[in-house]
C-alpha cells in the first residue's frame, strides 16, 4: 500500500511555529517514503472558525514550499458522511444518547470523567442530547516516536456527537482518515490521548488502523503549547527558509550550515533526503527558545 499521510489544521487563525512542526514532520515523512501527503481543513467547529483562515493557511503552506496531492478536503462538506457513521454506531448499539451536562457529571462524580450514567439510565427524550461511544476496554499501540502506549485506565464513553448539534472531532477525524486511506499519521503529542479513542472507533466501524508518530509540541516559557489561545505569532512568510531550518533543529534533524544560503526548495529537498524520524526527541513538549 502506498504511504499516505496528511496535515489537518483547524482554520481558527493563521499557522504558527507549532503548526509548522506538524506540517513539516508529516510532509518529510511522507516524501521520504515516496508517499502521498494530503491536506484536510478541519472546520467542523464553525463557531471557532475565523473567516478567511482556510485560504490563508493554504497560502502559507504554498509559501513554505509544501506541495500536496489531490484536492483539499473540508470537513464542513462531509456532514452526511459523518451522519452515516453515527447512524451505524447507534443502530448497532455501539453508541447511545446522553443528556448529562459537565456540571451534572462533576456533581455526580467529583471530576470531569464520565461515569456511564446514561448508558444505564437512558434519557426519556433525545432532543438536546449528545451521543457517546460505548467503550469497554483499553487500547494499546506502538508509537514510532513515543514508544509503546497503554492507557492508565479504561477509556470513558466519549462524545461523538455534541449536544449543540456538531459532530465531535474524534468521529470526524476517524471517518476522514479511513475515507482518504491515511495509513501514517504524524502529528503533535498533544493528540496522543486521542489516539486510543480513534483506534476504538476504527475497530467499531471496521476501519484499518494507521501507524502513529507523535512529535513533541513546542511550548512557551510557561510550558503552554503554542496555539492561537496562547497568542503564538503567525509564521513570517518573509523568513520561510530560516523557520524551516529552525523547525528541523527542533525535530532533531541537524541541518547543515550550508542550508542558510540555499533556496527554499533546496532546503526541503535536503530535509527529505536526510529525514530521520528516530532522531526526533522522545518528549511530549519542548520549550521553544526565542531564537
Foldseek 3Di string as FASTA:
>chain_A
DFAEEEQEEEQLDFAFLLSVLQVLVRQLVNVLSVHFYAYEYEHQPVVRHDPPSVVNRVVLCVLLPDDGDDDYHYLVVCVVVLVVLVVVCVVVVQKAWDQDDQVNQCVVPVDSAHDCVCVVVPDPDRQLTFMWGDWDAWDWDQAPQQGIDTDPDTDGGGTQAHSVGTGDPLSSVLSVCQVVVNQEYEEALVCVVSQRVSVVSCVVSVGDHHHYHHAAFEDAPVRHGDDVVVVRDHDDSVCSQVSVVLSCVQQQQPDDPVSVVDDSVVSSVVCSVRPDNNRGHNDNYDYDDPD
